[in-house]
Amino acid sequence: MSGVQVEGYNRGPLSRIRIGALMNRKKKINQTLKSKAKKANAKLQSSNKPKYIAKADRESLAAEADSESHAAAVNSVTLDSKSAES
């Protein structure tokens, strides 16, 4: 049957479909590889955005800063009053 020609059999469209399916497969593989590389590169980049601090933590930090500044003000007033007495 190798030397016999079959009438009406067209190989053109069939081969195009196979090549098209192959190109779609290559495109999909390349697309996934590019997306993985892009995500890996994004993880390596540093951000200028400050780290998020929860509202409760911000309030506690503000309270600590207020107490420290109040304590420093009290110490400076007591030192000034002692120096004024002498």
PDB file of N, CA and C in Angstrom:
ATOM      1  N   MET A   1       0.805  -1.174   0.000  1.00  0.00           N
ATOM      2  CA  MET A   1       0.000   0.000   0.000  1.00  0.00           C
ATOM      3  C   MET A   1       0.865   1.261   0.000  1.00  0.00           C
ATOM      4  N   SER A   2       2.162   1.107   0.108  1.00  0.00           N
ATOM      5  CA  SER A   2       3.036   2.265   0.189  1.00  0.00           C
ATOM      6  C   SER A   2       3.118   3.023  -1.127  1.00  0.00           C
ATOM      7  N   GLY A   3       2.998   2.351  -2.254  1.00  0.00           N
ATOM      8  CA  GLY A   3       3.089   3.003  -3.543  1.00  0.00           C
ATOM      9  C   GLY A   3       1.754   3.443  -4.099  1.00  0.00           C
ATOM     10  N   VAL A   4       0.679   3.161  -3.424  1.00  0.00           N
ATOM     11  CA  VAL A   4      -0.650   3.448  -3.938  1.00  0.00           C
ATOM     12  C   VAL A   4      -1.099   4.821  -3.463  1.00  0.00           C
ATOM     13  N   GLN A   5      -1.587   5.626  -4.412  1.00  0.00           N
ATOM     14  CA  GLN A   5      -2.127   6.935  -4.082  1.00  0.00           C
ATOM     15  C   GLN A   5      -3.617   6.805  -3.788  1.00  0.00           C
ATOM     16  N   VAL A   6      -4.078   7.428  -2.740  1.00  0.00           N
ATOM     17  CA  VAL A   6      -5.494   7.385  -2.412  1.00  0.00           C
ATOM     18  C   VAL A   6      -6.094   8.702  -2.873  1.00  0.00           C
ATOM     19  N   GLU A   7      -7.162   8.605  -3.671  1.00  0.00           N
ATOM     20  CA  GLU A   7      -7.804   9.800  -4.202  1.00  0.00           C
ATOM     21  C   GLU A   7      -8.568  10.543  -3.103  1.00  0.00           C
ATOM     22  N   GLY A   8      -8.500  11.864  -3.111  1.00  0.00           N
ATOM     23  CA  GLY A   8      -9.289  12.690  -2.201  1.00  0.00           C
ATOM     24  C   GLY A   8      -8.680  12.858  -0.822  1.00  0.00           C
ATOM     25  N   TYR A   9      -7.510  12.305  -0.613  1.00  0.00           N
ATOM     26  CA  TYR A   9      -6.883  12.446   0.699  1.00  0.00           C
ATOM     27  C   TYR A   9      -5.954  13.650   0.675  1.00  0.00           C
ATOM     28  N   ASN A  10      -6.250  14.650   1.470  1.00  0.00           N
ATOM     29  CA  ASN A  10      -5.472  15.881   1.495  1.00  0.00           C
ATOM     30  C   ASN A  10      -4.724  15.972   2.825  1.00  0.00           C
ATOM     31  N   ARG A  11      -3.411  16.021   2.738  1.00  0.00           N
ATOM     32  CA  ARG A  11      -2.610  16.065   3.958  1.00  0.00           C
ATOM     33  C   ARG A  11      -2.416  17.491   4.477  1.00  0.00           C
ATOM     34  N   GLY A  12      -2.677  18.493   3.664  1.00  0.00           N
ATOM     35  CA  GLY A  12      -2.410  19.875   4.044  1.00  0.00           C
ATOM     36  C   GLY A  12      -3.074  20.335   5.330  1.00  0.00           C
ATOM     37  N   PRO A  13      -4.393  20.321   5.423  1.00  0.00           N
ATOM     38  CA  PRO A  13      -5.058  20.822   6.627  1.00  0.00           C
ATOM     39  C   PRO A  13      -4.716  20.016   7.880  1.00  0.00           C
ATOM     40  N   LEU A  14      -4.538  18.695   7.706  1.00  0.00           N
ATOM     41  CA  LEU A  14      -4.231  17.862   8.857  1.00  0.00           C
ATOM     42  C   LEU A  14      -2.869  18.224   9.446  1.00  0.00           C
ATOM     43  N   SER A  15      -1.906  18.451   8.585  1.00  0.00           N
ATOM     44  CA  SER A  15      -0.574  18.806   9.082  1.00  0.00           C
ATOM     45  C   SER A  15      -0.586  20.193   9.721  1.00  0.00           C
ATOM     46  N   ARG A  16      -1.414  21.103   9.178  1.00  0.00           N
ATOM     47  CA  ARG A  16      -1.519  22.435   9.786  1.00  0.00           C
ATOM     48  C   ARG A  16      -2.117  22.359  11.185  1.00  0.00           C
ATOM     49  N   ILE A  17      -3.069  21.489  11.371  1.00  0.00           N
ATOM     50  CA  ILE A  17      -3.686  21.336  12.697  1.00  0.00           C
ATOM     51  C   ILE A  17      -2.655  20.819  13.681  1.00  0.00           C
ATOM     52  N   ARG A  18      -1.870  19.864  13.268  1.00  0.00           N
ATOM     53  CA  ARG A  18      -0.857  19.312  14.160  1.00  0.00           C
ATOM     54  C   ARG A  18       0.180  20.368  14.524  1.00  0.00           C
ATOM     55  N   ILE A  19       0.624  21.137  13.537  1.00  0.00           N
ATOM     56  CA  ILE A  19       1.600  22.194  13.807  1.00  0.00           C
ATOM     57  C   ILE A  19       0.987  23.260  14.703  1.00  0.00           C
ATOM     58  N   GLY A  20      -0.287  23.591  14.443  1.00  0.00           N
ATOM     59  CA  GLY A  20      -0.961  24.579  15.283  1.00  0.00           C
ATOM     60  C   GLY A  20      -1.074  24.116  16.722  1.00  0.00           C
ATOM     61  N   ALA A  21      -1.379  22.840  16.919  1.00  0.00           N
ATOM     62  CA  ALA A  21      -1.475  22.302  18.280  1.00  0.00           C
ATOM     63  C   ALA A  21      -0.108  22.320  18.939  1.00  0.00           C
ATOM     64  N   LEU A  22       0.921  22.023  18.163  1.00  0.00           N
ATOM     65  CA  LEU A  22       2.275  22.049  18.696  1.00  0.00           C
ATOM     66  C   LEU A  22       2.676  23.465  19.079  1.00  0.00           C
ATOM     67  N   MET A  23       2.334  24.441  18.275  1.00  0.00           N
ATOM     68  CA  MET A  23       2.670  25.830  18.581  1.00  0.00           C
ATOM     69  C   MET A  23       1.929  26.303  19.832  1.00  0.00           C
ATOM     70  N   ASN A  24       0.666  25.878  19.977  1.00  0.00           N
ATOM     71  CA  ASN A  24      -0.073  26.256  21.171  1.00  0.00           C
ATOM     72  C   ASN A  24       0.559  25.649  22.416  1.00  0.00           C
ATOM     73  N   ARG A  25       1.047  24.422  22.285  1.00  0.00           N
ATOM     74  CA  ARG A  25       1.701  23.764  23.413  1.00  0.00           C
ATOM     75  C   ARG A  25       2.989  24.500  23.783  1.00  0.00           C
ATOM     76  N   LYS A  26       3.778  24.867  22.765  1.00  0.00           N
ATOM     77  CA  LYS A  26       5.011  25.625  23.009  1.00  0.00           C
ATOM     78  C   LYS A  26       4.704  26.972  23.641  1.00  0.00           C
ATOM     79  N   LYS A  27       3.673  27.619  23.124  1.00  0.00           N
ATOM     80  CA  LYS A  27       3.287  28.930  23.656  1.00  0.00           C
ATOM     81  C   LYS A  27       2.901  28.816  25.123  1.00  0.00           C
ATOM     82  N   LYS A  28       2.136  27.800  25.476  1.00  0.00           N
ATOM     83  CA  LYS A  28       1.699  27.607  26.856  1.00  0.00           C
ATOM     84  C   LYS A  28       2.885  27.318  27.776  1.00  0.00           C
ATOM     85  N   ILE A  29       3.815  26.489  27.311  1.00  0.00           N
ATOM     86  CA  ILE A  29       5.004  26.179  28.106  1.00  0.00           C
ATOM     87  C   ILE A  29       5.829  27.434  28.330  1.00  0.00           C
ATOM     88  N   ASN A  30       6.061  28.196  27.250  1.00  0.00           N
ATOM     89  CA  ASN A  30       6.828  29.434  27.383  1.00  0.00           C
ATOM     90  C   ASN A  30       6.122  30.429  28.293  1.00  0.00           C
ATOM     91  N   GLN A  31       4.810  30.482  28.205  1.00  0.00           N
ATOM     92  CA  GLN A  31       4.035  31.407  29.031  1.00  0.00           C
ATOM     93  C   GLN A  31       4.186  31.052  30.509  1.00  0.00           C
ATOM     94  N   THR A  32       4.106  29.765  30.850  1.00  0.00           N
ATOM     95  CA  THR A  32       4.241  29.370  32.248  1.00  0.00           C
ATOM     96  C   THR A  32       5.658  29.600  32.756  1.00  0.00           C
ATOM     97  N   LEU A  33       6.654  29.330  31.917  1.00  0.00           N
ATOM     98  CA  LEU A  33       8.041  29.567  32.333  1.00  0.00           C
ATOM     99  C   LEU A  33       8.303  31.048  32.559  1.00  0.00           C
ATOM    100  N   LYS A  34       7.772  31.899  31.679  1.00  0.00           N
ATOM    101  CA  LYS A  34       7.943  33.342  31.846  1.00  0.00           C
ATOM    102  C   LYS A  34       7.268  33.840  33.105  1.00  0.00           C
ATOM    103  N   SER A  35       6.071  33.316  33.393  1.00  0.00           N
ATOM    104  CA  SER A  35       5.360  33.774  34.588  1.00  0.00           C
ATOM    105  C   SER A  35       6.089  33.339  35.855  1.00  0.00           C
ATOM    106  N   LYS A  36       6.652  32.131  35.858  1.00  0.00           N
ATOM    107  CA  LYS A  36       7.419  31.674  37.024  1.00  0.00           C
ATOM    108  C   LYS A  36       8.670  32.523  37.224  1.00  0.00           C
ATOM    109  N   ALA A  37       9.353  32.845  36.124  1.00  0.00           N
ATOM    110  CA  ALA A  37      10.547  33.683  36.207  1.00  0.00           C
ATOM    111  C   ALA A  37      10.196  35.081  36.703  1.00  0.00           C
ATOM    112  N   LYS A  38       9.073  35.595  36.245  1.00  0.00           N
ATOM    113  CA  LYS A  38       8.628  36.926  36.656  1.00  0.00           C
ATOM    114  C   LYS A  38       8.314  36.951  38.151  1.00  0.00           C
ATOM    115  N   LYS A  39       7.652  35.919  38.645  1.00  0.00           N
ATOM    116  CA  LYS A  39       7.332  35.845  40.077  1.00  0.00           C
ATOM    117  C   LYS A  39       8.590  35.710  40.917  1.00  0.00           C
ATOM    118  N   ALA A  40       9.560  34.907  40.454  1.00  0.00           N
ATOM    119  CA  ALA A  40      10.816  34.744  41.189  1.00  0.00           C
ATOM    120  C   ALA A  40      11.586  36.049  41.225  1.00  0.00           C
ATOM    121  N   ASN A  41      11.581  36.789  40.129  1.00  0.00           N
ATOM    122  CA  ASN A  41      12.265  38.076  40.068  1.00  0.00           C
ATOM    123  C   ASN A  41      11.583  39.094  40.976  1.00  0.00           C
ATOM    124  N   ALA A  42      10.271  39.033  41.050  1.00  0.00           N
ATOM    125  CA  ALA A  42       9.529  39.962  41.896  1.00  0.00           C
ATOM    126  C   ALA A  42       9.838  39.735  43.372  1.00  0.00           C
ATOM    127  N   LYS A  43      10.076  38.489  43.752  1.00  0.00           N
ATOM    128  CA  LYS A  43      10.408  38.194  45.146  1.00  0.00           C
ATOM    129  C   LYS A  43      11.776  38.749  45.522  1.00  0.00           C
ATOM    130  N   LEU A  44      12.671  38.856  44.559  1.00  0.00           N
ATOM    131  CA  LEU A  44      14.016  39.355  44.843  1.00  0.00           C
ATOM    132  C   LEU A  44      14.056  40.879  45.002  1.00  0.00           C
ATOM    133  N   GLN A  45      13.081  41.568  44.446  1.00  0.00           N
ATOM    134  CA  GLN A  45      13.068  43.026  44.498  1.00  0.00           C
ATOM    135  C   GLN A  45      12.703  43.499  45.895  1.00  0.00           C
ATOM    136  N   SER A  46      13.396  44.520  46.365  1.00  0.00           N
ATOM    137  CA  SER A  46      13.066  45.077  47.675  1.00  0.00           C
ATOM    138  C   SER A  46      12.023  46.178  47.498  1.00  0.00           C
ATOM    139  N   SER A  47      11.228  46.367  48.515  1.00  0.00           N
ATOM    140  CA  SER A  47      10.144  47.330  48.442  1.00  0.00           C
ATOM    141  C   SER A  47      10.469  48.546  49.304  1.00  0.00           C
ATOM    142  N   ASN A  48      10.069  49.717  48.843  1.00  0.00           N
ATOM    143  CA  ASN A  48      10.247  50.937  49.621  1.00  0.00           C
ATOM    144  C   ASN A  48       9.088  51.156  50.577  1.00  0.00           C
ATOM    145  N   LYS A  49       8.108  50.311  50.488  1.00  0.00           N
ATOM    146  CA  LYS A  49       6.914  50.442  51.303  1.00  0.00           C
ATOM    147  C   LYS A  49       7.243  50.062  52.751  1.00  0.00           C
ATOM    148  N   PRO A  50       6.835  50.881  53.723  1.00  0.00           N
ATOM    149  CA  PRO A  50       7.129  50.543  55.114  1.00  0.00           C
ATOM    150  C   PRO A  50       6.324  49.330  55.570  1.00  0.00           C
ATOM    151  N   LYS A  51       6.872  48.611  56.524  1.00  0.00           N
ATOM    152  CA  LYS A  51       6.201  47.423  57.031  1.00  0.00           C
ATOM    153  C   LYS A  51       4.934  47.831  57.774  1.00  0.00           C
ATOM    154  N   TYR A  52       3.877  47.044  57.616  1.00  0.00           N
ATOM    155  CA  TYR A  52       2.605  47.367  58.243  1.00  0.00           C
ATOM    156  C   TYR A  52       2.695  47.127  59.744  1.00  0.00           C
ATOM    157  N   ILE A  53       2.197  48.090  60.514  1.00  0.00           N
ATOM    158  CA  ILE A  53       2.128  47.979  61.966  1.00  0.00           C
ATOM    159  C   ILE A  53       0.654  48.039  62.339  1.00  0.00           C
ATOM    160  N   ALA A  54       0.198  47.066  63.102  1.00  0.00           N
ATOM    161  CA  ALA A  54      -1.205  46.984  63.477  1.00  0.00           C
ATOM    162  C   ALA A  54      -1.600  48.189  64.324  1.00  0.00           C
ATOM    163  N   LYS A  55      -2.881  48.498  64.312  1.00  0.00           N
ATOM    164  CA  LYS A  55      -3.389  49.669  65.023  1.00  0.00           C
ATOM    165  C   LYS A  55      -3.102  49.571  66.518  1.00  0.00           C
ATOM    166  N   ALA A  56      -3.290  48.402  67.095  1.00  0.00           N
ATOM    167  CA  ALA A  56      -3.030  48.221  68.528  1.00  0.00           C
ATOM    168  C   ALA A  56      -1.553  48.442  68.837  1.00  0.00           C
ATOM    169  N   ASP A  57      -0.671  47.959  67.963  1.00  0.00           N
ATOM    170  CA  ASP A  57       0.764  48.157  68.165  1.00  0.00           C
ATOM    171  C   ASP A  57       1.130  49.634  68.044  1.00  0.00           C
ATOM    172  N   ARG A  58       0.501  50.335  67.084  1.00  0.00           N
ATOM    173  CA  ARG A  58       0.770  51.773  66.942  1.00  0.00           C
ATOM    174  C   ARG A  58       0.344  52.527  68.189  1.00  0.00           C
ATOM    175  N   GLU A  59      -0.808  52.157  68.737  1.00  0.00           N
ATOM    176  CA  GLU A  59      -1.282  52.834  69.950  1.00  0.00           C
ATOM    177  C   GLU A  59      -0.356  52.569  71.130  1.00  0.00           C
ATOM    178  N   SER A  60       0.130  51.324  71.263  1.00  0.00           N
ATOM    179  CA  SER A  60       1.039  51.012  72.373  1.00  0.00           C
ATOM    180  C   SER A  60       2.369  51.732  72.198  1.00  0.00           C
ATOM    181  N   LEU A  61       2.868  51.829  70.960  1.00  0.00           N
ATOM    182  CA  LEU A  61       4.116  52.563  70.715  1.00  0.00           C
ATOM    183  C   LEU A  61       3.945  54.050  71.013  1.00  0.00           C
ATOM    184  N   ALA A  62       2.785  54.591  70.648  1.00  0.00           N
ATOM    185  CA  ALA A  62       2.523  56.003  70.932  1.00  0.00           C
ATOM    186  C   ALA A  62       2.429  56.235  72.434  1.00  0.00           C
ATOM    187  N   ALA A  63       1.813  55.319  73.149  1.00  0.00           N
ATOM    188  CA  ALA A  63       1.702  55.445  74.608  1.00  0.00           C
ATOM    189  C   ALA A  63       3.079  55.371  75.257  1.00  0.00           C
ATOM    190  N   GLU A  64       3.929  54.476  74.781  1.00  0.00           N
ATOM    191  CA  GLU A  64       5.295  54.377  75.318  1.00  0.00           C
ATOM    192  C   GLU A  64       6.078  55.655  75.041  1.00  0.00           C
ATOM    193  N   ALA A  65       5.933  56.198  73.848  1.00  0.00           N
ATOM    194  CA  ALA A  65       6.650  57.431  73.502  1.00  0.00           C
ATOM    195  C   ALA A  65       6.162  58.585  74.367  1.00  0.00           C
ATOM    196  N   ASP A  66       4.856  58.642  74.623  1.00  0.00           N
ATOM    197  CA  ASP A  66       4.320  59.698  75.485  1.00  0.00           C
ATOM    198  C   ASP A  66       4.834  59.570  76.909  1.00  0.00           C
ATOM    199  N   SER A  67       4.878  58.340  77.417  1.00  0.00           N
ATOM    200  CA  SER A  67       5.356  58.140  78.792  1.00  0.00           C
ATOM    201  C   SER A  67       6.845  58.468  78.903  1.00  0.00           C
ATOM    202  N   GLU A  68       7.623  58.125  77.865  1.00  0.00           N
ATOM    203  CA  GLU A  68       9.055  58.447  77.882  1.00  0.00           C
ATOM    204  C   GLU A  68       9.276  59.953  77.816  1.00  0.00           C
ATOM    205  N   SER A  69       8.526  60.629  76.966  1.00  0.00           N
ATOM    206  CA  SER A  69       8.695  62.078  76.862  1.00  0.00           C
ATOM    207  C   SER A  69       8.230  62.758  78.149  1.00  0.00           C
ATOM    208  N   HIS A  70       7.181  62.236  78.769  1.00  0.00           N
ATOM    209  CA  HIS A  70       6.691  62.787  80.033  1.00  0.00           C
ATOM    210  C   HIS A  70       7.720  62.569  81.138  1.00  0.00           C
ATOM    211  N   ALA A  71       8.334  61.373  81.165  1.00  0.00           N
ATOM    212  CA  ALA A  71       9.360  61.082  82.164  1.00  0.00           C
ATOM    213  C   ALA A  71      10.580  61.972  81.942  1.00  0.00           C
ATOM    214  N   ALA A  72      10.963  62.206  80.721  1.00  0.00           N
ATOM    215  CA  ALA A  72      12.107  63.067  80.436  1.00  0.00           C
ATOM    216  C   ALA A  72      11.805  64.509  80.842  1.00  0.00           C
ATOM    217  N   ALA A  73      10.578  64.943  80.620  1.00  0.00           N
ATOM    218  CA  ALA A  73      10.196  66.302  80.997  1.00  0.00           C
ATOM    219  C   ALA A  73      10.204  66.453  82.513  1.00  0.00           C
ATOM    220  N   VAL A  74       9.733  65.455  83.227  1.00  0.00           N
ATOM    221  CA  VAL A  74       9.719  65.495  84.691  1.00  0.00           C
ATOM    222  C   VAL A  74      11.142  65.515  85.218  1.00  0.00           C
ATOM    223  N   ASN A  75      12.032  64.707  84.648  1.00  0.00           N
ATOM    224  CA  ASN A  75      13.428  64.677  85.083  1.00  0.00           C
ATOM    225  C   ASN A  75      14.109  66.012  84.830  1.00  0.00           C
ATOM    226  N   SER A  76      13.836  66.624  83.698  1.00  0.00           N
ATOM    227  CA  SER A  76      14.479  67.904  83.406  1.00  0.00           C
ATOM    228  C   SER A  76      13.963  68.989  84.342  1.00  0.00           C
ATOM    229  N   VAL A  77      12.685  68.932  84.709  1.00  0.00           N
ATOM    230  CA  VAL A  77      12.134  69.919  85.638  1.00  0.00           C
ATOM    231  C   VAL A  77      12.733  69.733  87.011  1.00  0.00           C
ATOM    232  N   THR A  78      12.900  68.514  87.465  1.00  0.00           N
ATOM    233  CA  THR A  78      13.475  68.275  88.793  1.00  0.00           C
ATOM    234  C   THR A  78      14.933  68.681  88.798  1.00  0.00           C
ATOM    235  N   LEU A  79      15.666  68.448  87.715  1.00  0.00           N
ATOM    236  CA  LEU A  79      17.072  68.867  87.659  1.00  0.00           C
ATOM    237  C   LEU A  79      17.173  70.388  87.666  1.00  0.00           C
ATOM    238  N   ASP A  80      16.293  71.065  86.952  1.00  0.00           N
ATOM    239  CA  ASP A  80      16.301  72.523  86.906  1.00  0.00           C
ATOM    240  C   ASP A  80      15.956  73.100  88.269  1.00  0.00           C
ATOM    241  N   SER A  81      15.015  72.510  88.962  1.00  0.00           N
ATOM    242  CA  SER A  81      14.626  73.038  90.279  1.00  0.00           C
ATOM    243  C   SER A  81      15.745  72.807  91.293  1.00  0.00           C
ATOM    244  N   LYS A  82      16.474  71.710  91.198  1.00  0.00           N
ATOM    245  CA  LYS A  82      17.598  71.459  92.121  1.00  0.00           C
ATOM    246  C   LYS A  82      18.736  72.428  91.844  1.00  0.00           C
ATOM    247  N   SER A  83      18.996  72.707  90.594  1.00  0.00           N
ATOM    248  CA  SER A  83      20.079  73.629  90.250  1.00  0.00           C
ATOM    249  C   SER A  83      19.704  75.052  90.638  1.00  0.00           C
ATOM    250  N   ALA A  84      18.424  75.369  90.584  1.00  0.00           N
ATOM    251  CA  ALA A  84      17.958  76.697  90.960  1.00  0.00           C
ATOM    252  C   ALA A  84      18.065  76.883  92.469  1.00  0.00           C
ATOM    253  N   GLU A  85      17.882  75.813  93.264  1.00  0.00           N
ATOM    254  CA  GLU A  85      17.953  75.898  94.707  1.00  0.00           C
ATOM    255  C   GLU A  85      19.395  76.089  95.167  1.00  0.00           C
ATOM    256  N   SER A  86      20.348  75.558  94.453  1.00  0.00           N
ATOM    257  CA  SER A  86      21.725  75.676  94.911  1.00  0.00           C
ATOM    258  C   SER A  86      22.401  76.920  94.462  1.00  0.00           C
TER     259      SER A  86
END
